[in-house]
N, C-alpha and C. Protein backbone atom coordinates (compact mmCIF):
# COMPACT_ATOMS: atom_id res chain seq x y z
N MET A 1 150.25 111.97 -107.13
CA MET A 1 149.21 111.35 -107.80
C MET A 1 149.09 111.71 -109.25
N ILE A 2 149.62 112.88 -109.62
CA ILE A 2 149.61 113.19 -110.97
C ILE A 2 150.48 112.38 -111.96
N LEU A 3 151.29 111.76 -111.36
CA LEU A 3 152.31 110.73 -112.11
C LEU A 3 151.68 109.74 -112.64
N VAL A 4 150.75 109.15 -112.11
CA VAL A 4 150.11 107.98 -112.67
C VAL A 4 149.10 108.23 -113.84
N HIS A 5 148.90 109.47 -114.23
CA HIS A 5 147.99 109.78 -115.48
C HIS A 5 148.86 109.84 -116.63
N PHE A 6 150.05 109.94 -116.62
CA PHE A 6 151.01 109.93 -117.63
C PHE A 6 150.96 108.81 -118.56
N PRO A 7 151.20 107.58 -118.04
CA PRO A 7 150.99 106.40 -118.87
C PRO A 7 149.70 106.24 -119.68
N ILE A 8 148.58 106.71 -118.90
CA ILE A 8 147.15 106.55 -119.64
C ILE A 8 147.12 107.47 -120.72
N ALA A 9 147.41 108.75 -120.48
CA ALA A 9 147.25 109.75 -121.51
C ALA A 9 148.46 109.55 -122.65
N GLY A 10 149.57 108.98 -122.20
CA GLY A 10 150.60 108.57 -123.14
C GLY A 10 150.32 107.50 -124.10
N CYS A 11 149.61 106.50 -123.66
CA CYS A 11 149.08 105.42 -124.49
C CYS A 11 148.28 106.09 -125.71
N VAL A 12 147.29 106.90 -125.33
CA VAL A 12 146.43 107.42 -126.39
C VAL A 12 147.28 108.23 -127.33
N PHE A 13 148.29 109.21 -126.84
CA PHE A 13 149.06 109.72 -127.54
C PHE A 13 150.12 108.81 -128.70
N ALA A 14 150.56 107.85 -128.02
CA ALA A 14 151.44 106.84 -128.71
C ALA A 14 150.61 106.30 -129.78
N VAL A 15 149.39 105.76 -129.70
CA VAL A 15 148.59 105.10 -130.69
C VAL A 15 148.37 106.08 -131.74
N ALA A 16 148.01 107.22 -131.40
CA ALA A 16 147.74 108.43 -132.46
C ALA A 16 149.07 108.67 -133.30
N LEU A 17 150.08 108.72 -132.70
CA LEU A 17 151.47 108.87 -133.43
C LEU A 17 151.65 107.57 -134.28
N LEU A 18 151.46 106.56 -133.70
CA LEU A 18 151.80 105.13 -134.29
C LEU A 18 150.99 105.09 -135.68
N VAL A 19 149.68 105.58 -135.50
CA VAL A 19 148.68 105.09 -136.83
C VAL A 19 148.97 106.48 -137.70
N GLY A 20 149.27 107.48 -137.33
CA GLY A 20 149.44 108.66 -138.03
C GLY A 20 150.86 108.46 -138.88
N ALA A 21 151.68 107.74 -138.17
CA ALA A 21 153.20 107.58 -138.84
C ALA A 21 152.88 106.61 -139.98
N ARG A 22 152.11 105.60 -139.65
CA ARG A 22 151.69 104.51 -140.62
C ARG A 22 151.12 105.21 -141.81
N LEU A 23 150.17 105.91 -141.63
CA LEU A 23 149.11 106.43 -142.61
C LEU A 23 149.96 107.59 -143.57
N TRP A 24 150.57 108.50 -142.80
CA TRP A 24 151.05 109.70 -143.57
C TRP A 24 152.41 109.99 -143.34
N GLY A 25 153.11 109.25 -142.56
CA GLY A 25 154.63 109.69 -142.27
C GLY A 25 155.73 108.61 -143.03
N GLY A 26 156.92 109.08 -142.93
CA GLY A 26 157.76 108.29 -143.40
C GLY A 26 158.83 107.77 -142.41
N PRO A 27 159.92 107.18 -142.61
CA PRO A 27 160.79 106.67 -141.58
C PRO A 27 160.91 107.73 -140.35
N ALA A 28 161.18 108.86 -140.47
CA ALA A 28 161.50 109.72 -139.45
C ALA A 28 160.26 109.93 -138.56
N VAL A 29 158.85 109.94 -139.13
CA VAL A 29 157.76 110.02 -138.05
C VAL A 29 157.57 108.66 -137.53
N ASN A 30 157.99 107.58 -138.01
CA ASN A 30 157.77 106.30 -137.49
C ASN A 30 158.79 106.11 -136.36
N ARG A 31 159.97 106.54 -136.57
CA ARG A 31 161.18 106.72 -135.44
C ARG A 31 160.41 107.55 -134.19
N LEU A 32 159.89 108.54 -134.45
CA LEU A 32 159.41 109.41 -133.50
C LEU A 32 158.24 108.82 -132.72
N ALA A 33 157.46 108.09 -133.41
CA ALA A 33 156.38 107.34 -132.71
C ALA A 33 156.92 106.17 -131.80
N MET A 34 157.83 105.60 -132.32
CA MET A 34 158.69 104.54 -131.41
C MET A 34 159.19 105.12 -130.23
N LEU A 35 159.93 106.20 -130.50
CA LEU A 35 160.73 106.92 -129.36
C LEU A 35 159.54 107.35 -128.30
N ALA A 36 158.56 107.87 -128.74
CA ALA A 36 157.34 108.16 -127.85
C ALA A 36 156.73 107.01 -127.04
N LEU A 37 156.57 106.01 -127.87
CA LEU A 37 156.21 104.69 -127.14
C LEU A 37 157.11 104.17 -125.91
N ILE A 38 158.35 104.44 -126.17
CA ILE A 38 159.49 103.90 -125.36
C ILE A 38 159.43 104.91 -124.12
N LEU A 39 159.41 106.41 -124.39
CA LEU A 39 159.12 107.24 -123.42
C LEU A 39 157.90 107.08 -122.38
N VAL A 40 156.70 106.69 -123.14
CA VAL A 40 155.57 106.37 -122.51
C VAL A 40 155.76 105.17 -121.43
N ALA A 41 156.35 104.06 -122.07
CA ALA A 41 156.68 102.79 -121.19
C ALA A 41 157.65 103.20 -119.89
N ALA A 42 158.52 104.23 -120.15
CA ALA A 42 159.40 104.64 -119.04
C ALA A 42 158.66 105.24 -118.02
N SER A 43 157.72 106.05 -118.35
CA SER A 43 156.90 106.69 -117.33
C SER A 43 155.96 105.90 -116.74
N ALA A 44 155.75 104.66 -117.13
CA ALA A 44 154.85 103.82 -116.29
C ALA A 44 155.45 103.19 -115.11
N VAL A 45 156.90 103.03 -115.12
CA VAL A 45 157.64 102.41 -114.07
C VAL A 45 157.44 103.15 -112.94
N PRO A 46 157.89 104.51 -112.78
CA PRO A 46 157.72 105.44 -111.52
C PRO A 46 156.17 105.47 -111.19
N ALA A 47 155.26 105.44 -112.05
CA ALA A 47 153.95 105.32 -111.71
C ALA A 47 153.45 104.20 -111.02
N ALA A 48 154.01 102.96 -111.36
CA ALA A 48 153.83 101.66 -110.77
C ALA A 48 154.48 101.62 -109.40
N ILE A 49 155.65 102.03 -109.18
CA ILE A 49 156.39 102.10 -107.99
C ILE A 49 155.65 102.76 -107.02
N THR A 50 155.03 104.15 -107.22
CA THR A 50 154.20 104.99 -106.09
C THR A 50 152.92 104.47 -105.93
N GLY A 51 152.56 103.58 -106.50
CA GLY A 51 151.19 103.04 -105.99
C GLY A 51 151.08 102.70 -104.47
N GLY A 52 151.98 102.05 -103.97
CA GLY A 52 151.87 101.71 -102.44
C GLY A 52 151.77 102.83 -101.57
N PRO A 53 152.76 103.84 -101.80
CA PRO A 53 152.90 105.01 -100.91
C PRO A 53 151.59 105.89 -101.30
N SER A 54 150.97 105.85 -102.58
CA SER A 54 149.87 106.61 -102.70
C SER A 54 148.82 106.11 -102.02
N GLN A 55 148.50 104.95 -101.90
CA GLN A 55 147.48 104.13 -101.11
C GLN A 55 147.66 104.49 -99.68
N GLU A 56 148.72 104.59 -99.00
CA GLU A 56 148.83 104.95 -97.63
C GLU A 56 148.33 106.40 -97.43
N GLN A 57 148.33 107.24 -98.27
CA GLN A 57 147.67 108.77 -98.22
C GLN A 57 146.23 108.59 -98.21
N LEU A 58 145.74 107.59 -98.66
CA LEU A 58 144.19 107.42 -98.81
C LEU A 58 143.41 107.05 -97.58
N GLN A 59 144.25 106.54 -96.51
CA GLN A 59 143.69 106.10 -95.40
C GLN A 59 142.76 107.23 -94.56
N PRO A 60 141.60 106.78 -94.11
CA PRO A 60 141.08 105.29 -94.01
C PRO A 60 140.24 105.13 -95.29
N ILE A 61 140.26 103.76 -95.71
CA ILE A 61 139.53 103.43 -97.02
C ILE A 61 138.39 102.53 -96.29
N PRO A 62 137.15 102.72 -96.85
CA PRO A 62 136.02 101.71 -96.54
C PRO A 62 136.38 100.33 -96.68
N ALA A 63 135.99 99.54 -95.72
CA ALA A 63 136.52 97.86 -95.91
C ALA A 63 135.83 97.34 -97.18
N ASP A 64 134.80 97.73 -97.77
CA ASP A 64 134.35 97.18 -98.76
C ASP A 64 135.04 97.45 -99.95
N MET A 65 135.99 98.52 -100.07
CA MET A 65 137.01 98.78 -101.19
C MET A 65 138.03 98.03 -101.28
N GLN A 66 138.43 97.13 -100.54
CA GLN A 66 139.59 96.47 -100.51
C GLN A 66 139.88 95.63 -101.82
N HIS A 67 138.66 95.08 -102.07
CA HIS A 67 138.77 94.18 -103.42
C HIS A 67 138.94 94.99 -104.59
N ILE A 68 138.48 96.23 -104.69
CA ILE A 68 138.76 97.13 -105.80
C ILE A 68 140.39 97.45 -105.87
N ILE A 69 140.81 97.77 -104.56
CA ILE A 69 142.28 98.25 -104.48
C ILE A 69 143.03 96.95 -104.88
N ASP A 70 142.77 95.81 -104.46
CA ASP A 70 143.53 94.59 -104.94
C ASP A 70 143.47 94.47 -106.39
N GLN A 71 142.20 94.72 -106.96
CA GLN A 71 142.10 94.54 -108.40
C GLN A 71 142.82 95.71 -109.12
N HIS A 72 142.89 96.87 -108.57
CA HIS A 72 143.62 97.97 -109.24
C HIS A 72 145.03 97.59 -109.35
N ALA A 73 145.50 97.09 -108.11
CA ALA A 73 147.06 96.86 -108.15
C ALA A 73 147.42 95.60 -109.00
N MET A 74 146.51 94.67 -109.26
CA MET A 74 146.81 93.70 -110.11
C MET A 74 146.73 93.87 -111.64
N ILE A 75 145.74 94.59 -111.94
CA ILE A 75 145.47 95.16 -113.47
C ILE A 75 146.52 96.12 -113.67
N SER A 76 147.16 97.06 -112.72
CA SER A 76 148.15 97.83 -113.06
C SER A 76 149.35 97.15 -113.31
N LEU A 77 149.64 96.20 -112.73
CA LEU A 77 150.87 95.22 -112.96
C LEU A 77 150.92 94.68 -114.27
N TYR A 78 149.80 94.10 -114.70
CA TYR A 78 149.60 93.80 -116.18
C TYR A 78 149.80 94.81 -117.02
N ALA A 79 149.12 95.92 -116.94
CA ALA A 79 149.07 97.14 -117.84
C ALA A 79 150.61 97.41 -118.06
N THR A 80 151.47 97.65 -116.81
CA THR A 80 152.78 97.96 -116.95
C THR A 80 153.64 97.14 -117.83
N TRP A 81 153.46 95.92 -117.42
CA TRP A 81 154.11 94.61 -118.37
C TRP A 81 153.50 94.77 -119.63
N ALA A 82 152.47 94.99 -120.22
CA ALA A 82 152.10 95.17 -121.44
C ALA A 82 152.78 96.27 -122.03
N LEU A 83 152.72 97.43 -121.48
CA LEU A 83 153.44 98.57 -121.98
C LEU A 83 154.87 98.33 -122.22
N GLN A 84 155.60 97.59 -121.18
CA GLN A 84 156.98 97.27 -121.41
C GLN A 84 157.16 96.49 -122.73
N ALA A 85 156.25 95.48 -122.87
CA ALA A 85 156.32 94.44 -123.96
C ALA A 85 156.26 95.53 -125.23
N ALA A 86 155.33 96.47 -125.13
CA ALA A 86 155.28 97.34 -126.50
C ALA A 86 156.51 97.91 -126.63
N ALA A 87 157.06 98.42 -125.65
CA ALA A 87 158.28 99.30 -125.74
C ALA A 87 159.46 98.41 -126.40
N VAL A 88 159.50 97.07 -126.10
CA VAL A 88 160.41 96.26 -126.56
C VAL A 88 160.24 96.06 -128.04
N LEU A 89 158.87 95.84 -128.44
CA LEU A 89 158.65 95.83 -129.86
C LEU A 89 158.98 97.04 -130.68
N ALA A 90 158.77 98.27 -129.94
CA ALA A 90 159.24 99.52 -130.50
C ALA A 90 160.67 99.68 -130.66
N MET A 91 161.61 99.11 -129.81
CA MET A 91 162.92 98.99 -129.98
C MET A 91 163.43 98.17 -131.20
N VAL A 92 162.65 97.09 -131.16
CA VAL A 92 162.79 96.09 -132.49
C VAL A 92 162.56 96.96 -133.82
N CYS A 93 161.46 97.83 -133.69
CA CYS A 93 161.03 98.44 -134.82
C CYS A 93 162.11 99.57 -135.23
N LEU A 94 162.63 100.18 -134.17
CA LEU A 94 163.78 101.26 -134.55
C LEU A 94 164.87 100.53 -135.06
N MET A 95 165.35 99.26 -134.62
CA MET A 95 166.33 98.58 -135.27
C MET A 95 166.03 98.53 -136.75
N TYR A 96 164.86 97.97 -137.15
CA TYR A 96 164.56 97.64 -138.39
C TYR A 96 164.64 98.94 -139.39
N LEU A 97 164.02 100.24 -138.44
CA LEU A 97 164.05 101.45 -139.22
C LEU A 97 165.45 101.76 -139.46
N TYR A 98 166.33 101.68 -138.47
CA TYR A 98 167.66 102.24 -139.01
C TYR A 98 168.48 101.35 -139.78
N ARG A 99 168.22 100.09 -139.94
CA ARG A 99 169.04 99.24 -140.55
C ARG A 99 168.50 99.06 -142.13
N ARG A 100 167.14 99.15 -142.19
CA ARG A 100 166.59 98.78 -143.40
C ARG A 100 165.85 99.98 -143.90
N GLY A 101 165.54 100.99 -143.15
CA GLY A 101 164.90 102.15 -143.51
C GLY A 101 163.40 101.97 -143.80
N ARG A 102 162.70 100.83 -143.65
CA ARG A 102 161.29 100.66 -143.65
C ARG A 102 161.02 99.53 -142.61
N LEU A 103 159.67 99.63 -142.28
CA LEU A 103 159.26 98.73 -141.04
C LEU A 103 158.24 97.75 -141.53
N PRO A 104 158.43 96.41 -141.60
CA PRO A 104 157.56 95.33 -141.92
C PRO A 104 156.16 95.61 -141.35
N GLY A 105 155.08 95.55 -142.18
CA GLY A 105 153.70 95.60 -141.78
C GLY A 105 153.39 94.72 -140.38
N LEU A 106 153.82 93.44 -140.56
CA LEU A 106 153.58 92.37 -139.28
C LEU A 106 154.03 92.87 -137.99
N LEU A 107 155.28 93.60 -138.05
CA LEU A 107 155.89 94.16 -136.85
C LEU A 107 155.25 95.35 -136.48
N TRP A 108 154.87 96.16 -137.49
CA TRP A 108 154.04 97.35 -136.99
C TRP A 108 152.74 97.06 -136.23
N SER A 109 151.99 96.00 -136.72
CA SER A 109 150.66 95.44 -136.35
C SER A 109 150.99 95.00 -135.06
N ALA A 110 151.89 94.05 -134.88
CA ALA A 110 152.25 93.32 -133.54
C ALA A 110 152.34 94.84 -132.43
N THR A 111 153.22 95.49 -132.78
CA THR A 111 153.53 96.60 -131.85
C THR A 111 152.25 97.47 -131.54
N LEU A 112 151.53 97.77 -132.60
CA LEU A 112 150.20 98.46 -132.40
C LEU A 112 149.23 97.82 -131.46
N SER A 113 149.09 96.30 -131.60
CA SER A 113 148.19 95.56 -131.03
C SER A 113 148.52 95.41 -129.76
N VAL A 114 149.96 95.21 -129.23
CA VAL A 114 150.23 95.22 -127.85
C VAL A 114 150.07 96.45 -127.28
N LEU A 115 150.41 97.61 -127.98
CA LEU A 115 149.88 98.88 -127.33
C LEU A 115 148.56 99.18 -127.07
N LEU A 116 147.74 98.84 -127.93
CA LEU A 116 146.28 98.92 -127.76
C LEU A 116 145.93 97.85 -126.42
N LEU A 117 146.40 96.92 -126.24
CA LEU A 117 146.26 96.04 -125.09
C LEU A 117 146.56 96.69 -123.88
N ALA A 118 147.85 97.24 -124.08
CA ALA A 118 148.32 97.92 -122.83
C ALA A 118 147.55 99.23 -122.52
N GLY A 119 147.03 99.94 -123.50
CA GLY A 119 146.23 101.15 -123.29
C GLY A 119 144.91 100.88 -122.64
N TYR A 120 144.30 99.61 -122.94
CA TYR A 120 142.99 99.17 -122.56
C TYR A 120 143.28 98.96 -121.14
N LEU A 121 144.34 98.22 -120.71
CA LEU A 121 144.66 97.85 -119.31
C LEU A 121 144.93 99.14 -118.42
N MET A 122 145.55 100.12 -119.08
CA MET A 122 145.94 101.40 -118.42
C MET A 122 144.60 102.04 -118.01
N ALA A 123 143.70 102.15 -119.07
CA ALA A 123 142.25 102.74 -118.79
C ALA A 123 141.61 101.97 -117.75
N TRP A 124 141.58 100.66 -117.96
CA TRP A 124 140.94 99.94 -116.77
C TRP A 124 141.51 100.21 -115.24
N THR A 125 142.81 100.34 -115.27
CA THR A 125 143.64 100.45 -114.05
C THR A 125 143.14 101.92 -113.49
N GLY A 126 143.00 102.96 -114.42
CA GLY A 126 142.73 104.21 -114.24
C GLY A 126 141.26 104.33 -113.65
N SER A 127 140.38 103.69 -114.30
CA SER A 127 138.82 103.62 -113.82
C SER A 127 138.78 102.82 -112.47
N LEU A 128 139.66 101.89 -112.25
CA LEU A 128 139.67 101.32 -110.81
C LEU A 128 140.24 102.43 -109.87
N GLY A 129 141.31 102.88 -110.17
CA GLY A 129 141.95 103.95 -109.47
C GLY A 129 140.89 105.20 -109.01
N GLY A 130 140.13 105.59 -110.06
CA GLY A 130 139.09 106.60 -109.89
C GLY A 130 138.08 106.23 -108.73
N GLU A 131 137.76 104.97 -108.78
CA GLU A 131 136.69 104.39 -107.98
C GLU A 131 137.29 104.48 -106.38
N VAL A 132 138.51 104.16 -106.33
CA VAL A 132 139.13 104.22 -104.92
C VAL A 132 139.18 105.61 -104.43
N VAL A 133 139.88 106.47 -105.30
CA VAL A 133 140.12 107.85 -104.97
C VAL A 133 138.90 108.64 -104.82
N HIS A 134 138.00 108.42 -105.69
CA HIS A 134 136.59 109.45 -105.52
C HIS A 134 135.57 108.46 -104.99
N LEU A 135 135.53 108.36 -103.89
CA LEU A 135 134.41 107.51 -103.19
C LEU A 135 132.94 107.82 -103.51
N GLU A 136 132.92 109.06 -104.00
CA GLU A 136 131.27 109.23 -104.41
C GLU A 136 131.00 108.37 -105.56
N ILE A 137 131.72 107.84 -106.27
CA ILE A 137 131.47 107.12 -107.47
C ILE A 137 130.71 105.72 -107.03
N ARG A 138 131.23 105.43 -105.83
CA ARG A 138 130.54 104.09 -105.36
C ARG A 138 129.48 104.42 -104.43
N GLY A 139 129.13 105.68 -104.28
CA GLY A 139 127.91 105.98 -103.19
C GLY A 139 128.33 106.06 -101.76
N HIS A 140 129.83 106.37 -101.48
CA HIS A 140 130.14 106.39 -100.33
C HIS A 140 129.79 107.93 -99.69
N GLN A 141 129.54 107.98 -98.43
CA GLN A 141 129.47 109.32 -97.96
C GLN A 141 131.00 110.13 -97.85
N ILE A 142 130.84 111.17 -98.28
CA ILE A 142 132.22 111.91 -98.24
C ILE A 142 132.18 112.97 -97.05
N LEU A 143 133.11 112.86 -96.30
CA LEU A 143 133.13 113.77 -95.08
C LEU A 143 133.79 115.03 -95.55
N PRO A 144 133.17 116.29 -95.04
CA PRO A 144 133.68 117.29 -95.33
C PRO A 144 135.12 117.67 -94.60
N VAL A 145 135.85 118.45 -95.57
CA VAL A 145 137.26 118.73 -95.11
C VAL A 145 137.23 119.86 -93.97
N PRO A 146 137.73 119.63 -92.74
CA PRO A 146 137.72 120.53 -91.80
C PRO A 146 138.61 121.78 -92.08
N GLU A 147 138.11 123.03 -91.85
CA GLU A 147 138.74 124.18 -92.17
C GLU A 147 139.86 124.40 -90.99
N LEU A 148 141.04 124.90 -91.59
CA LEU A 148 142.06 125.26 -90.83
C LEU A 148 142.13 126.41 -90.14
């Protein structure tokens, strides 16, 4: 379950690196930001794959939670695809940085915009996942864990 938190935190980290690289860094810092974004996108794939098995561990789930689980699954798919799109843009940025030494502002802006969208979708996914895992958020009775 800890694996699913990496893409969410990674999006925040990648946005900070990307903005910091644009404001204060040169080509080397821009390359680092783009590589970090690609690694964050790579971490989203295992997180998405483990969603089904993680859900099986949460049984039994109250019947009124199924719509939240379905929404969580759908938004996580969109978030993963958006993050992969940001990674593709980061790869294009890396090509520009290696070939020309500088990054066009429009390409940087497009990469940041798609990353911000992915970060928003990741945060929304995490919020929905929190509602599923932490039933007390929705006011459900939590049964005490039996002692062994």
